[in-house]
Each structure stands twice: as C-alpha cells, then as structure tokens.
C-alpha atoms as a PDB file:
ATOM      1  CA  MET A   1       0.038   0.168  -0.064  1.00  0.00           C
ATOM      2  CA  GLN A   2       1.093   3.488  -0.865  1.00  0.00           C
ATOM      3  CA  ILE A   3      -0.158   6.719   0.546  1.00  0.00           C
ATOM      4  CA  GLY A   4       0.437  10.189  -0.591  1.00  0.00           C
ATOM      5  CA  VAL A   5       0.975  12.944   2.195  1.00  0.00           C
ATOM      6  CA  TYR A   6      -0.170  16.419   1.310  1.00  0.00           C
ATOM      7  CA  GLY A   7       0.480  19.071   3.679  1.00  0.00           C
ATOM      8  CA  SER A   8       0.230  22.649   1.896  1.00  0.00           C
ATOM      9  CA  GLY A   9      -0.049  25.038   4.800  1.00  0.00           C
ATOM     10  CA  ALA A  10       0.650  22.479   7.400  1.00  0.00           C
ATOM     11  CA  ASN A  11       3.336  22.383   9.811  1.00  0.00           C
ATOM     12  CA  ASP A  12       6.309  19.887   9.437  1.00  0.00           C
ATOM     13  CA  THR A  13       5.829  18.266  12.811  1.00  0.00           C
ATOM     14  CA  ALA A  14       2.209  17.128  11.531  1.00  0.00           C
ATOM     15  CA  ALA A  15       3.710  15.644   8.359  1.00  0.00           C
ATOM     16  CA  LYS A  16       6.350  13.774  10.150  1.00  0.00           C
ATOM     17  CA  THR A  17       4.072  12.594  12.814  1.00  0.00           C
ATOM     18  CA  ILE A  18       2.031  10.892  10.017  1.00  0.00           C
ATOM     19  CA  LYS A  19       4.922   9.601   8.625  1.00  0.00           C
ATOM     20  CA  ARG A  20       6.039   8.062  11.431  1.00  0.00           C
ATOM     21  CA  ILE A  21       2.571   6.409  12.310  1.00  0.00           C
ATOM     22  CA  LEU A  22       2.428   5.028   8.688  1.00  0.00           C
ATOM     23  CA  ASP A  23       6.186   3.720   8.771  1.00  0.00           C
ATOM     24  CA  ASP A  24       5.369   1.885  12.193  1.00  0.00           C
ATOM     25  CA  SER A  25       2.153   0.292  10.489  1.00  0.00           C
ATOM     26  CA  GLY A  26       4.403  -0.883   7.466  1.00  0.00           C
ATOM     27  CA  ILE A  27       2.725   1.472   4.954  1.00  0.00           C
ATOM     28  CA  LYS A  28       4.716   3.167   2.424  1.00  0.00           C
ATOM     29  CA  SER A  29       4.249   7.064   2.062  1.00  0.00           C
ATOM     30  CA  PHE A  30       5.650  10.201   0.057  1.00  0.00           C
ATOM     31  CA  PRO A  31       4.989  13.678  -0.070  1.00  0.00           C
ATOM     32  CA  ILE A  32       2.897  15.082  -2.742  1.00  0.00           C
ATOM     33  CA  THR A  33       4.550  18.043  -4.514  1.00  0.00           C
ATOM     34  CA  LYS A  34       3.957  19.826  -7.979  1.00  0.00           C
ATOM     35  CA  SER A  35       6.603  18.006  -9.489  1.00  0.00           C
ATOM     36  CA  LYS A  36       5.791  14.657  -8.037  1.00  0.00           C
ATOM     37  CA  ALA A  37       2.737  13.001  -8.994  1.00  0.00           C
ATOM     38  CA  LYS A  38       3.109   9.055  -8.135  1.00  0.00           C
ATOM     39  CA  GLN A  39       0.083   6.724  -8.088  1.00  0.00           C
ATOM     40  CA  ALA A  40      -1.344   6.273  -4.561  1.00  0.00           C
ATOM     41  CA  ASP A  41      -4.026   4.100  -2.949  1.00  0.00           C
ATOM     42  CA  CYS A  42      -5.194   7.220  -0.895  1.00  0.00           C
ATOM     43  CA  ILE A  43      -4.035  10.808  -0.049  1.00  0.00           C
ATOM     44  CA  ILE A  44      -3.767  11.896   3.232  1.00  0.00           C
ATOM     45  CA  VAL A  45      -4.185  15.762   3.515  1.00  0.00           C
ATOM     46  CA  LEU A  46      -3.337  18.052   6.456  1.00  0.00           C
ATOM     47  CA  GLY A  47      -4.879  21.223   7.270  1.00  0.00           C
ATOM     48  CA  GLY A  48      -8.597  20.243   7.997  1.00  0.00           C
ATOM     49  CA  ASP A  49     -11.415  21.276   5.658  1.00  0.00           C
ATOM     50  CA  LYS A  50      -9.335  24.095   4.312  1.00  0.00           C
ATOM     51  CA  GLY A  51      -6.382  21.675   3.479  1.00  0.00           C
ATOM     52  CA  VAL A  52      -8.749  19.519   1.643  1.00  0.00           C
ATOM     53  CA  ARG A  53     -10.100  22.337  -0.236  1.00  0.00           C
ATOM     54  CA  ASN A  54      -6.686  23.561  -1.315  1.00  0.00           C
ATOM     55  CA  TYR A  55      -5.865  19.998  -2.392  1.00  0.00           C
ATOM     56  CA  PHE A  56      -8.863  19.672  -4.748  1.00  0.00           C
ATOM     57  CA  HIS A  57      -8.099  23.195  -6.315  1.00  0.00           C
ATOM     58  CA  ARG A  58      -4.739  22.180  -7.228  1.00  0.00           C
ATOM     59  CA  THR A  59      -5.544  18.933  -8.704  1.00  0.00           C
ATOM     60  CA  PHE A  60      -8.199  18.101 -11.313  1.00  0.00           C
ATOM     61  CA  ASP A  61      -7.366  14.365 -10.840  1.00  0.00           C
ATOM     62  CA  SER A  62      -9.651  12.980  -7.945  1.00  0.00           C
ATOM     63  CA  THR A  63      -9.297   9.260  -8.516  1.00  0.00           C
ATOM     64  CA  SER A  64      -7.487   8.572  -5.524  1.00  0.00           C
ATOM     65  CA  PRO A  65      -9.663   9.066  -2.438  1.00  0.00           C
ATOM     66  CA  VAL A  66      -8.780  11.595   0.349  1.00  0.00           C
ATOM     67  CA  LEU A  67      -8.533  11.586   3.991  1.00  0.00           C
ATOM     68  CA  GLY A  68      -8.518  14.774   5.552  1.00  0.00           C
ATOM     69  CA  ILE A  69      -6.741  15.356   8.849  1.00  0.00           C
ATOM     70  CA  ASN A  70      -7.300  18.202  11.503  1.00  0.00           C
ATOM     71  CA  GLU A  71      -4.410  19.285  13.314  1.00  0.00           C
ATOM     72  CA  GLY A  72      -6.396  20.871  16.049  1.00  0.00           C
ATOM     73  CA  GLU A  73      -9.648  19.997  17.931  1.00  0.00           C
ATOM     74  CA  ALA A  74     -11.892  21.161  15.361  1.00  0.00           C
ATOM     75  CA  SER A  75     -14.302  18.667  13.566  1.00  0.00           C
ATOM     76  CA  GLY A  76     -15.077  19.313   9.912  1.00  0.00           C
ATOM     77  CA  PHE A  77     -17.050  18.375   7.198  1.00  0.00           C
ATOM     78  CA  LEU A  78     -14.236  17.246   4.938  1.00  0.00           C
ATOM     79  CA  ALA A  79     -11.956  16.394   7.539  1.00  0.00           C
ATOM     80  CA  GLN A  80     -13.353  14.694  10.581  1.00  0.00           C
ATOM     81  CA  ILE A  81     -10.158  12.622  12.032  1.00  0.00           C
ATOM     82  CA  GLU A  82      -7.848  14.683  14.250  1.00  0.00           C
ATOM     83  CA  LEU A  83      -4.030  14.077  14.120  1.00  0.00           C
ATOM     84  CA  ARG A  84      -4.001  12.964  17.774  1.00  0.00           C
ATOM     85  CA  GLU A  85      -6.357  10.036  17.139  1.00  0.00           C
ATOM     86  CA  PHE A  86      -4.929   8.973  13.860  1.00  0.00           C
ATOM     87  CA  SER A  87      -2.880   6.112  15.120  1.00  0.00           C
ATOM     88  CA  SER A  88      -6.078   4.440  16.301  1.00  0.00           C
ATOM     89  CA  TYR A  89      -7.603   4.439  12.899  1.00  0.00           C
ATOM     90  CA  VAL A  90      -4.345   3.516  10.824  1.00  0.00           C
ATOM     91  CA  GLY A  91      -5.220  -0.007  11.056  1.00  0.00           C
ATOM     92  CA  ILE A  92      -8.648   0.461   9.430  1.00  0.00           C
ATOM     93  CA  LEU A  93      -6.822   2.736   6.710  1.00  0.00           C
ATOM     94  CA  LYS A  94      -4.557  -0.200   6.066  1.00  0.00           C
ATOM     95  CA  LYS A  95      -7.348  -2.900   5.414  1.00  0.00           C
ATOM     96  CA  GLN A  96      -9.214  -0.381   3.490  1.00  0.00           C
ATOM     97  CA  ASN A  97     -12.061  -1.087   5.510  1.00  0.00           C
ATOM     98  CA  TYR A  98     -13.565   2.276   5.028  1.00  0.00           C
ATOM     99  CA  THR A  99     -16.386   4.337   3.224  1.00  0.00           C
ATOM    100  CA  VAL A 100     -15.706   6.587   0.363  1.00  0.00           C
ATOM    101  CA  GLU A 101     -18.086   9.405   0.133  1.00  0.00           C
ATOM    102  CA  GLU A 102     -18.422  11.197  -3.381  1.00  0.00           C
ATOM    103  CA  VAL A 103     -18.689  14.980  -2.844  1.00  0.00           C
ATOM    104  CA  PRO A 104     -19.817  16.947  -6.016  1.00  0.00           C
ATOM    105  CA  ARG A 105     -17.670  19.967  -7.372  1.00  0.00           C
ATOM    106  CA  LEU A 106     -18.643  22.967  -9.258  1.00  0.00           C
ATOM    107  CA  GLY A 107     -16.787  23.524 -12.514  1.00  0.00           C
ATOM    108  CA  VAL A 108     -16.498  27.759 -12.914  1.00  0.00           C
ATOM    109  CA  LYS A 109     -15.807  29.602 -16.048  1.00  0.00           C
ATOM    110  CA  ILE A 110     -15.181  33.450 -15.656  1.00  0.00           C
ATOM    111  CA  ASP A 111     -15.739  35.303 -18.702  1.00  0.00           C
ATOM    112  CA  GLY A 112     -15.478  32.229 -20.747  1.00  0.00           C
ATOM    113  CA  LYS A 113     -12.111  30.949 -19.120  1.00  0.00           C
ATOM    114  CA  ASN A 114     -11.941  27.999 -16.805  1.00  0.00           C
ATOM    115  CA  VAL A 115     -10.645  28.147 -13.276  1.00  0.00           C
ATOM    116  CA  TYR A 116     -10.287  25.357 -10.646  1.00  0.00           C
ATOM    117  CA  PRO A 117     -13.559  23.606  -9.702  1.00  0.00           C
ATOM    118  CA  VAL A 118     -14.836  24.249  -6.078  1.00  0.00           C
ATOM    119  CA  LEU A 119     -16.218  22.064  -3.308  1.00  0.00           C
ATOM    120  CA  ASN A 120     -18.292  24.656  -1.412  1.00  0.00           C
ATOM    121  CA  ASP A 121     -19.358  27.648  -3.281  1.00  0.00           C
ATOM    122  CA  VAL A 122     -19.079  30.403  -5.969  1.00  0.00           C
ATOM    123  CA  ALA A 123     -19.802  34.141  -4.869  1.00  0.00           C
ATOM    124  CA  VAL A 124     -20.107  37.222  -6.880  1.00  0.00           C
ATOM    125  CA  PHE A 125     -19.916  40.341  -5.395  1.00  0.00           C
ATOM    126  CA  SER A 126     -18.932  44.028  -5.999  1.00  0.00           C
ATOM    127  CA  SER A 127     -15.232  44.543  -4.996  1.00  0.00           C
ATOM    128  CA  LYS A 128     -16.518  47.135  -2.524  1.00  0.00           C
ATOM    129  CA  SER A 129     -18.739  46.122   0.193  1.00  0.00           C
ATOM    130  CA  ALA A 130     -22.091  47.823   0.799  1.00  0.00           C
ATOM    131  CA  MET A 131     -22.227  48.362  -3.053  1.00  0.00           C
ATOM    132  CA  LEU A 132     -25.022  47.103  -5.139  1.00  0.00           C
ATOM    133  CA  MET A 133     -24.326  44.489  -7.642  1.00  0.00           C
ATOM    134  CA  GLU A 134     -26.831  44.099 -10.943  1.00  0.00           C
ATOM    135  CA  HIS A 135     -26.853  40.770 -12.426  1.00  0.00           C
ATOM    136  CA  THR A 136     -29.218  38.517 -14.607  1.00  0.00           C
ATOM    137  CA  LEU A 137     -29.477  34.524 -13.578  1.00  0.00           C
ATOM    138  CA  ARG A 138     -30.041  32.176 -16.371  1.00  0.00           C
ATOM    139  CA  VAL A 139     -30.756  28.441 -15.725  1.00  0.00           C
ATOM    140  CA  ASN A 140     -30.278  26.055 -18.877  1.00  0.00           C
ATOM    141  CA  GLY A 141     -30.450  29.038 -21.096  1.00  0.00           C
ATOM    142  CA  GLU A 142     -33.707  30.491 -19.473  1.00  0.00           C
ATOM    143  CA  GLU A 143     -33.752  33.771 -17.714  1.00  0.00           C
ATOM    144  CA  VAL A 144     -34.729  33.220 -13.988  1.00  0.00           C
ATOM    145  CA  TRP A 145     -34.493  36.929 -12.639  1.00  0.00           C
ATOM    146  CA  HIS A 146     -32.833  40.109 -13.145  1.00  0.00           C
ATOM    147  CA  ASP A 147     -31.695  41.423  -9.699  1.00  0.00           C
ATOM    148  CA  ASN A 148     -29.989  44.206  -7.799  1.00  0.00           C
ATOM    149  CA  GLY A 149     -28.581  43.426  -4.444  1.00  0.00           C
ATOM    150  CA  ASP A 150     -25.383  42.570  -2.577  1.00  0.00           C
ATOM    151  CA  GLY A 151     -24.475  39.664  -4.610  1.00  0.00           C
ATOM    152  CA  ILE A 152     -25.193  35.888  -5.684  1.00  0.00           C
ATOM    153  CA  ILE A 153     -24.050  32.753  -4.275  1.00  0.00           C
ATOM    154  CA  VAL A 154     -24.011  29.457  -5.979  1.00  0.00           C
ATOM    155  CA  SER A 155     -23.709  26.385  -3.473  1.00  0.00           C
ATOM    156  CA  THR A 156     -23.192  22.707  -3.514  1.00  0.00           C
ATOM    157  CA  PRO A 157     -24.877  20.344  -0.928  1.00  0.00           C
ATOM    158  CA  ILE A 158     -21.826  20.449   1.339  1.00  0.00           C
ATOM    159  CA  GLY A 159     -21.352  24.104   1.108  1.00  0.00           C
ATOM    160  CA  SER A 160     -25.012  24.725   1.866  1.00  0.00           C
ATOM    161  CA  SER A 161     -24.184  24.610   5.575  1.00  0.00           C
ATOM    162  CA  ALA A 162     -21.366  27.539   5.040  1.00  0.00           C
ATOM    163  CA  TYR A 163     -21.766  30.871   3.393  1.00  0.00           C
ATOM    164  CA  SER A 164     -24.970  30.152   1.859  1.00  0.00           C
ATOM    165  CA  MET A 165     -26.705  29.275   5.089  1.00  0.00           C
ATOM    166  CA  SER A 166     -25.552  32.378   6.643  1.00  0.00           C
ATOM    167  CA  ALA A 167     -27.194  34.271   3.653  1.00  0.00           C
ATOM    168  CA  GLY A 168     -30.576  32.654   4.391  1.00  0.00           C
ATOM    169  CA  GLY A 169     -30.185  29.630   2.278  1.00  0.00           C
ATOM    170  CA  PRO A 170     -31.555  26.205   3.049  1.00  0.00           C
ATOM    171  CA  VAL A 171     -29.138  23.376   4.307  1.00  0.00           C
ATOM    172  CA  ILE A 172     -29.165  20.559   1.911  1.00  0.00           C
ATOM    173  CA  PHE A 173     -28.267  16.826   2.564  1.00  0.00           C
ATOM    174  CA  GLN A 174     -24.853  15.587   0.905  1.00  0.00           C
ATOM    175  CA  ASP A 175     -26.588  12.998  -1.147  1.00  0.00           C
ATOM    176  CA  SER A 176     -28.929  15.318  -2.615  1.00  0.00           C
ATOM    177  CA  PRO A 177     -28.318  15.621  -6.509  1.00  0.00           C
ATOM    178  CA  VAL A 178     -28.964  19.441  -6.516  1.00  0.00           C
ATOM    179  CA  PHE A 179     -27.226  23.084  -6.371  1.00  0.00           C
ATOM    180  CA  GLU A 180     -28.708  26.088  -4.491  1.00  0.00           C
ATOM    181  CA  ILE A 181     -28.784  29.700  -5.709  1.00  0.00           C
ATOM    182  CA  ILE A 182     -28.937  32.519  -3.278  1.00  0.00           C
ATOM    183  CA  SER A 183     -29.724  36.195  -3.884  1.00  0.00           C
ATOM    184  CA  VAL A 184     -27.817  38.091  -1.172  1.00  0.00           C
ATOM    185  CA  ASN A 185     -29.765  41.080   0.259  1.00  0.00           C
ATOM    186  CA  SER A 186     -31.924  41.731  -2.841  1.00  0.00           C
ATOM    187  CA  LEU A 187     -33.781  44.961  -3.427  1.00  0.00           C
ATOM    188  CA  ASP A 188     -36.911  42.598  -4.380  1.00  0.00           C
ATOM    189  CA  VAL A 189     -38.196  41.527  -0.881  1.00  0.00           C
ATOM    190  CA  THR A 190     -39.988  38.522  -2.544  1.00  0.00           C
ATOM    191  CA  ARG A 191     -36.641  36.903  -3.850  1.00  0.00           C
ATOM    192  CA  ARG A 192     -36.017  33.594  -2.347  1.00  0.00           C
ATOM    193  CA  PRO A 193     -33.344  30.999  -2.845  1.00  0.00           C
ATOM    194  CA  ILE A 194     -33.852  28.262  -5.423  1.00  0.00           C
ATOM    195  CA  ILE A 195     -32.788  24.647  -5.974  1.00  0.00           C
ATOM    196  CA  VAL A 196     -31.669  23.382  -9.203  1.00  0.00           C
ATOM    197  CA  SER A 197     -30.920  20.036 -10.600  1.00  0.00           C
ATOM    198  CA  ASN A 198     -26.995  19.423 -10.404  1.00  0.00           C
ATOM    199  CA  ASP A 199     -27.120  18.692 -14.061  1.00  0.00           C
ATOM    200  CA  SER A 200     -28.282  22.212 -14.841  1.00  0.00           C
ATOM    201  CA  SER A 201     -26.299  25.092 -16.355  1.00  0.00           C
ATOM    202  CA  ILE A 202     -26.233  28.097 -14.277  1.00  0.00           C
ATOM    203  CA  GLU A 203     -24.944  31.436 -15.759  1.00  0.00           C
ATOM    204  CA  ILE A 204     -24.768  34.703 -14.106  1.00  0.00           C
ATOM    205  CA  ASP A 205     -24.683  37.295 -16.847  1.00  0.00           C
ATOM    206  CA  ASP A 206     -24.730  41.210 -17.238  1.00  0.00           C
ATOM    207  CA  ILE A 207     -22.688  41.475 -13.971  1.00  0.00           C
ATOM    208  CA  SER A 208     -22.147  45.126 -13.222  1.00  0.00           C
ATOM    209  CA  ALA A 209     -21.538  47.604 -10.366  1.00  0.00           C
ATOM    210  CA  ARG A 210     -20.109  51.159  -9.858  1.00  0.00           C
ATOM    211  CA  LEU A 211     -16.821  49.414  -9.097  1.00  0.00           C
ATOM    212  CA  HIS A 212     -15.453  46.088 -10.750  1.00  0.00           C
ATOM    213  CA  CYS A 213     -17.103  42.997  -9.446  1.00  0.00           C
ATOM    214  CA  GLU A 214     -15.277  39.690  -8.049  1.00  0.00           C
ATOM    215  CA  VAL A 215     -15.692  35.907  -8.099  1.00  0.00           C
ATOM    216  CA  VAL A 216     -14.886  34.599  -4.672  1.00  0.00           C
ATOM    217  CA  LEU A 217     -14.242  30.644  -4.981  1.00  0.00           C
ATOM    218  CA  ASP A 218     -14.696  28.682  -1.810  1.00  0.00           C
ATOM    219  CA  GLY A 219     -14.155  31.730   0.332  1.00  0.00           C
ATOM    220  CA  LEU A 220     -10.600  31.742  -0.568  1.00  0.00           C
ATOM    221  CA  ASP A 221      -9.691  33.126  -3.941  1.00  0.00           C
ATOM    222  CA  ARG A 222     -10.811  36.298  -5.680  1.00  0.00           C
ATOM    223  CA  TYR A 223     -11.072  36.725  -9.527  1.00  0.00           C
ATOM    224  CA  SER A 224     -12.160  39.839 -11.277  1.00  0.00           C
ATOM    225  CA  VAL A 225     -15.092  39.368 -13.632  1.00  0.00           C
ATOM    226  CA  ASN A 226     -16.275  41.660 -16.344  1.00  0.00           C
ATOM    227  CA  LYS A 227     -19.608  40.342 -17.440  1.00  0.00           C
ATOM    228  CA  THR A 228     -20.204  36.711 -17.013  1.00  0.00           C
ATOM    229  CA  VAL A 229     -19.848  33.461 -14.738  1.00  0.00           C
ATOM    230  CA  GLU A 230     -20.927  30.011 -15.575  1.00  0.00           C
ATOM    231  CA  CYS A 231     -21.256  27.045 -13.234  1.00  0.00           C
ATOM    232  CA  THR A 232     -21.920  23.408 -13.993  1.00  0.00           C
ATOM    233  CA  GLN A 233     -21.411  20.054 -12.325  1.00  0.00           C
ATOM    234  CA  PHE A 234     -17.636  19.071 -12.519  1.00  0.00           C
ATOM    235  CA  PHE A 235     -16.555  15.547 -13.075  1.00  0.00           C
ATOM    236  CA  PRO A 236     -15.208  13.455 -11.437  1.00  0.00           C
ATOM    237  CA  PRO A 237     -16.529  14.319  -7.936  1.00  0.00           C
ATOM    238  CA  ALA A 238     -14.044  14.483  -5.081  1.00  0.00           C
ATOM    239  CA  LYS A 239     -13.646  11.259  -3.120  1.00  0.00           C
ATOM    240  CA  ILE A 240     -13.653  11.599   0.593  1.00  0.00           C
ATOM    241  CA  ILE A 241     -12.601   8.825   3.235  1.00  0.00           C
ATOM    242  CA  ARG A 242     -14.836   8.416   6.108  1.00  0.00           C
ATOM    243  CA  LEU A 243     -12.985   6.165   8.680  1.00  0.00           C
ATOM    244  CA  LYS A 244     -15.745   6.656  11.417  1.00  0.00           C
ATOM    245  CA  LYS A 245     -18.943   4.761  10.910  1.00  0.00           C
ATOM    246  CA  HIS A 246     -20.943   7.407  12.160  1.00  0.00           C
ATOM    247  CA  SER A 247     -19.178  10.310  10.993  1.00  0.00           C
ATOM    248  CA  THR A 248     -20.811  11.556   7.682  1.00  0.00           C
ATOM    249  CA  ALA A 249     -21.319  15.074   6.472  1.00  0.00           C
ATOM    250  CA  ILE A 250     -24.989  14.377   7.679  1.00  0.00           C
ATOM    251  CA  SER A 251     -24.014  13.534  11.043  1.00  0.00           C
ATOM    252  CA  ALA A 252     -21.768  16.356  11.476  1.00  0.00           C
ATOM    253  CA  LEU A 253     -24.393  18.638  10.249  1.00  0.00           C
ATOM    254  CA  ALA A 254     -26.863  17.245  12.803  1.00  0.00           C
ATOM    255  CA  LYS A 255     -24.197  17.980  15.486  1.00  0.00           C
ATOM    256  CA  LYS A 256     -24.064  21.611  14.088  1.00  0.00           C
ATOM    257  CA  VAL A 257     -27.846  22.074  14.259  1.00  0.00           C
ATOM    258  CA  HIS A 258     -28.019  20.635  17.735  1.00  0.00           C
ATOM    259  CA  LEU A 259     -25.136  22.959  18.862  1.00  0.00           C
ATOM    260  CA  ALA A 260     -26.844  25.876  17.307  1.00  0.00           C
ATOM    261  CA  GLU A 261     -30.027  25.214  18.979  1.00  0.00           C
ATOM    262  CA  GLU A 262     -28.505  24.884  22.443  1.00  0.00           C
ATOM    263  CA  LEU A 263     -26.375  27.966  21.998  1.00  0.00           C
ATOM    264  CA  LEU A 264     -29.633  29.907  21.479  1.00  0.00           C
ATOM    265  CA  SER A 265     -31.106  28.974  24.702  1.00  0.00           C
ATOM    266  CA  MET A 266     -27.733  29.464  26.469  1.00  0.00           C
ATOM    267  CA  PRO A 267     -27.565  32.382  29.009  1.00  0.00           C
ATOM    268  CA  PRO A 268     -25.992  35.635  27.536  1.00  0.00           C
ATOM    269  CA  SER A 269     -23.037  35.325  30.227  1.00  0.00           C
ATOM    270  CA  SER A 270     -22.354  31.785  28.942  1.00  0.00           C
ATOM    271  CA  LYS A 271     -22.172  32.982  25.560  1.00  0.00           C
ATOM    272  CA  LEU A 272     -19.853  35.969  26.169  1.00  0.00           C
ATOM    273  CA  LEU A 273     -17.530  33.556  28.291  1.00  0.00           C
ATOM    274  CA  LEU A 274     -17.519  31.087  25.241  1.00  0.00           C
ATOM    275  CA  LYS A 275     -16.613  33.878  22.638  1.00  0.00           C
ATOM    276  CA  THR A 276     -13.814  35.291  24.932  1.00  0.00           C
ATOM    277  CA  LEU A 277     -12.269  31.891  25.177  1.00  0.00           C
ATOM    278  CA  GLU A 278     -12.810  31.362  21.537  1.00  0.00           C
ATOM    279  CA  TYR A 279     -10.603  34.709  20.811  1.00  0.00           C
ATOM    280  CA  GLU A 280      -8.325  34.708  23.649  1.00  0.00           C
ATOM    281  CA  GLY A 281      -7.391  30.954  24.339  1.00  0.00           C
ATOM    282  CA  ALA A 282      -7.207  29.533  27.712  1.00  0.00           C
ATOM    283  CA  LEU A 283      -7.944  32.034  30.616  1.00  0.00           C
ATOM    284  CA  THR A 284      -8.184  31.898  34.466  1.00  0.00           C
ATOM    285  CA  GLN A 285     -11.593  32.795  36.027  1.00  0.00           C
ATOM    286  CA  LYS A 286     -10.055  36.089  37.207  1.00  0.00           C
ATOM    287  CA  ASP A 287      -8.835  36.705  33.620  1.00  0.00           C
ATOM    288  CA  LEU A 288     -12.321  35.999  32.299  1.00  0.00           C
ATOM    289  CA  ALA A 289     -13.797  38.400  34.839  1.00  0.00           C
ATOM    290  CA  ASN A 290     -11.273  41.313  33.625  1.00  0.00           C
ATOM    291  CA  LYS A 291     -12.071  40.440  29.907  1.00  0.00           C
ATOM    292  CA  THR A 292     -15.683  40.445  30.214  1.00  0.00           C
ATOM    293  CA  LEU A 293     -16.276  42.802  32.748  1.00  0.00           C
ATOM    294  CA  LEU A 294     -18.794  40.328  34.267  1.00  0.00           C
ATOM    295  CA  PRO A 295     -18.957  40.118  38.383  1.00  0.00           C
ATOM    296  CA  GLY A 296     -17.231  37.156  39.679  1.00  0.00           C
ATOM    297  CA  ARG A 297     -20.412  35.355  40.855  1.00  0.00           C
ATOM    298  CA  THR A 298     -21.760  35.730  37.175  1.00  0.00           C
ATOM    299  CA  VAL A 299     -18.525  34.170  35.902  1.00  0.00           C
ATOM    300  CA  ARG A 300     -18.627  31.351  38.369  1.00  0.00           C
ATOM    301  CA  LEU A 301     -22.174  30.274  37.699  1.00  0.00           C
ATOM    302  CA  ALA A 302     -21.646  30.816  33.856  1.00  0.00           C
ATOM    303  CA  LEU A 303     -18.446  28.363  34.085  1.00  0.00           C
ATOM    304  CA  SER A 304     -20.428  25.548  36.002  1.00  0.00           C
ATOM    305  CA  HIS A 305     -23.172  25.857  33.188  1.00  0.00           C
ATOM    306  CA  LEU A 306     -20.625  25.428  30.431  1.00  0.00           C
ATOM    307  CA  LEU A 307     -18.503  22.800  32.184  1.00  0.00           C
ATOM    308  CA  LYS A 308     -21.746  20.818  32.932  1.00  0.00           C
ATOM    309  CA  LYS A 309     -22.440  20.965  29.189  1.00  0.00           C
ATOM    310  CA  GLY A 310     -19.054  20.041  28.106  1.00  0.00           C
ATOM    311  CA  TYR A 311     -18.347  23.145  26.156  1.00  0.00           C
ATOM    312  CA  VAL A 312     -15.594  24.316  28.524  1.00  0.00           C
ATOM    313  CA  LYS A 313     -12.899  22.156  30.158  1.00  0.00           C
ATOM    314  CA  LYS A 314     -10.742  22.832  33.096  1.00  0.00           C
ATOM    315  CA  LYS A 315      -7.118  22.002  33.895  1.00  0.00           C
ATOM    316  CA  VAL A 316      -4.372  22.975  36.351  1.00  0.00           C
ATOM    317  CA  SER A 317      -1.993  25.601  35.314  1.00  0.00           C
ATOM    318  CA  ILE A 318       1.550  24.768  34.522  1.00  0.00           C
ATOM    319  CA  ARG A 319       2.952  28.065  35.971  1.00  0.00           C
ATOM    320  CA  ASP A 320       0.910  27.713  39.189  1.00  0.00           C
ATOM    321  CA  ALA A 321      -0.690  24.744  40.497  1.00  0.00           C
ATOM    322  CA  ARG A 322      -3.218  26.481  42.530  1.00  0.00           C
ATOM    323  CA  GLN A 323      -4.459  28.147  39.438  1.00  0.00           C
ATOM    324  CA  LYS A 324      -7.255  26.601  37.241  1.00  0.00           C
ATOM    325  CA  ILE A 325      -7.413  27.488  33.574  1.00  0.00           C
ATOM    326  CA  TYR A 326     -10.395  26.998  31.384  1.00  0.00           C
ATOM    327  CA  GLU A 327     -10.626  26.451  27.643  1.00  0.00           C
ATOM    328  CA  ILE A 328     -13.051  25.501  24.806  1.00  0.00           C
ATOM    329  CA  SER A 329     -13.317  21.702  24.788  1.00  0.00           C
ATOM    330  CA  LYS A 330     -13.953  19.744  21.603  1.00  0.00           C
ATOM    331  CA  ILE A 331     -17.567  19.738  20.795  1.00  0.00           C
ATOM    332  CA  GLU A 332     -18.784  16.070  19.904  1.00  0.00           C
END
C-alpha cells in the first residue's frame, strides 16, 4: 500500500507525525509536491477542511480517495479525523475498511475562461462592500431573474451549511443531486433561494456595479469578472474517506444544528465567556472576569453551566498549580 501525504500550509511536525505512524504500520508514504505525481492508494491531506479544499483546487485528478486530517480539535465536514487520534485508525486505513463518499464539485468559467473546480460555493460580489451589484440569472439558458443586491451565491450541498446558510439559504443533505442559488440582500423583498438539478447549467450574466465585481471561490481566492460566470457540475467528484462509521457529512450537520439550538437557549453570560475563550484562548477565572467585565459570581455560574454542558474544560496551570485554567473543549 502506498499513501501520498499533502501538507500545504501544515506544519512539518504534523507531516512527520503522520509519516512515523505510517512507517510503524508498514505503510509506504511519500510527500505530494507539484513536481511529483506518483500513483497512490489514497491521499492524506493535512490542514483540516481548508487543506482538503486546497488539495482539490490544485488537482483535477480525484481518482485517489482523500483522508482529511485536522491538526487541532476542530471537527469539519471534509476532515473529521484529528491528528492525535490518527494512530488508532491507521489499521482501518491499512485494511481499506472504510467508506468513500463522493462530494460533488462545481466547474467554474469566468468570462469564458476555466478556473479550478470548487467544493463549497461560488460567490459574486462588488469589489467594495455595501455596494449594489446588478446581474441576470439564467438556468439552462432561460432567464430566472434580473436582480439588484449585494451579490449572488451558487452552492453545492456540502457548501450549503457554510456561507449560503448565513445568507438565508436552506441546508441540503449531502446526497441530494442539486445545487442552490441565493440572491444576497436583494432589493426585491420577494426574492427567495432556489434549488436546481445538479445537471443544470447556471449562468450569472450582465454583471455590473459602480466598481468592478469579483468572483470568490470557496471563500479563498478572488477573481475579477467583467460580465459572465458559468457554473456546471464538474466530473469526477471529490472522493472523501470516512473512517468513522457514524461520522458523515449528515451526522456532522446534525451536530451543528443541535449545537446551534443549544447556543440559542444559553444564558448571555455563558455565550460571552465562550466567545472570549474562542478569541483569547485559555484563561483563568480572574482573567475572564477582567476581559468580560462580568461580576465574579456571574462568571462562576456561567463556567459551571459550560463545564456541565461540556463546552469548556478545566485544567491545572503549569505555572501555578493553585490556578485553574479554562478553555474550549472539543464539541462532539
């Protein structure tokens, strides 16, 4: 068995850890570079969801299935295995006792020129925020609307829980053979997201604004556009390895929805503490009181609630054993 390791943007320590674990299991591995393209049984991609997207942006060949690895404690939709738990799953990988999920991709043309296929979404906006953009949407050659608004998003099912959901679009299950189109903050208050078959040809034409407009691919790269963006289903789809039996895109989505529901019902003080720990990292109880300006008793009650729910974990400070440090725990 031969496994390629792609680590764009990942640290060397993570790549070395993966290689050591594979070597110990008798699995041959090699780094994937632009100048080297060996045949592999599968590809391990470091860097979480972003790393997986980067990999597929840089290769049109998706015949080898990909296993995404998170280097921290952040579960993703594309990469759901953490670096620290990889050794316990390497046996399943070696036996190839895993499922492969096919993730649809969008092929994109900007003013008639092909760019790389995307996994999540294609967004078209004015280059300056809060400036109206005008466009015409056509599906399979037929005009659907002529619109004025902040912009437009075309999303895959796996991208539907990202940017498009924030813009008011529906969440689509992974195996649905559709794409969704969302007009962002349209001047037409009756404008609603639409769902189209994934074999449709989607054309955003007559694009104009006071300044130039841009196409944003998967939230990463920006391209200037003069007039037209075309989106169609790209073949072959991306192949994602699922080592965990109950760790699919749908289960990840269910967890995300459940978490959102719990956060809505959470006391404001608990939400503030969570957000502070997210931005600041691990803090003591005193630090939290100083950062949030909440009374000490309120901080203690909020921490008690977060610890009970499992959103925060407590550990002893290395510098001072009398001090307790609080940090965000992994949300299962």
